[in-house]
Protein backbone atom coordinates (compact mmCIF):
# COMPACT_ATOMS: atom_id res chain seq x y z
CA MET A 1 -0.26 0.34 0.18
CA THR A 2 1.42 3.59 -0.65
CA GLU A 3 0.82 6.04 1.56
CA LYS A 4 -0.73 9.41 0.36
CA HIS A 5 0.39 12.73 1.16
CA MET A 6 -1.78 15.41 2.25
CA THR A 7 -1.89 18.24 0.74
CA VAL A 8 -2.40 21.42 3.73
CA ALA A 9 -6.30 21.96 2.55
CA MET A 10 -6.57 18.17 3.25
CA LEU A 11 -5.07 18.24 6.52
CA ALA A 12 -6.54 21.13 7.21
CA GLU A 13 -9.79 19.59 7.02
CA HIS A 14 -9.45 16.21 8.32
CA TRP A 15 -8.32 18.13 12.09
CA GLN A 16 -10.71 20.90 11.37
CA CYS A 17 -8.96 23.90 11.94
CA SER A 18 -7.58 26.15 9.16
CA GLY A 19 -5.09 26.31 6.55
CA THR A 20 -3.21 28.95 8.29
CA PHE A 21 -2.44 27.19 11.38
CA ILE A 22 -1.72 24.20 9.42
CA TYR A 23 1.33 27.10 7.93
CA ASP A 24 1.92 27.62 10.72
CA ARG A 25 2.85 24.80 11.98
CA ILE A 26 4.72 23.66 9.42
CA ASN A 27 6.90 27.26 9.70
CA ALA A 28 7.30 26.77 12.95
CA GLY A 29 8.72 23.34 12.27
CA ASP A 30 6.60 21.54 14.78
CA LEU A 31 5.09 19.75 11.45
CA LYS A 32 6.63 18.23 8.85
CA ALA A 33 6.16 18.92 5.15
CA PHE A 34 8.11 19.78 1.60
CA LYS A 35 7.53 21.28 -0.80
CA LEU A 36 6.61 20.59 -5.04
CA GLY A 37 8.19 23.35 -6.81
CA ALA A 38 7.76 26.89 -5.13
CA LYS A 39 4.64 26.69 -3.81
CA LEU A 40 2.56 23.25 -3.16
CA TRP A 41 2.70 21.92 0.46
CA ARG A 42 2.87 18.04 1.39
CA VAL A 43 2.59 16.63 5.13
CA SER A 44 3.17 12.96 5.00
CA PRO A 45 1.31 10.19 7.39
CA ASN A 46 4.09 9.60 8.88
CA ALA A 47 5.09 13.42 10.01
CA ILE A 48 0.94 14.31 10.39
CA ILE A 49 1.48 11.21 13.05
CA GLU A 50 4.58 11.85 15.12
CA TYR A 51 2.47 15.83 15.41
CA GLU A 52 -0.41 14.53 16.83
CA THR A 53 1.65 11.55 18.94
CA ARG A 54 3.69 14.85 20.20
CA GLN A 55 0.04 16.55 20.56
CA GLN A 56 -1.43 13.82 23.47
CA THR A 57 2.23 13.40 25.34
CA ARG A 58 1.70 17.44 26.05
CA ARG A 59 -2.43 16.70 27.12
CA ASP A 60 -1.13 13.80 29.62
CA TYR A 61 -0.16 16.45 31.75
């Protein structure tokens, strides 16, 4: 099975947040992403899982 990378818009919809929030997390270095060309950002499933895991761990304290 091939992992599908998500666009910023797809991830924003999945997390029910704004695209600006996603870009802010990318720019802060909290969410790993890569560019396709000059403007298109993609986020791997592993990066999403890593971010969600870190956020869950922070809430547990």
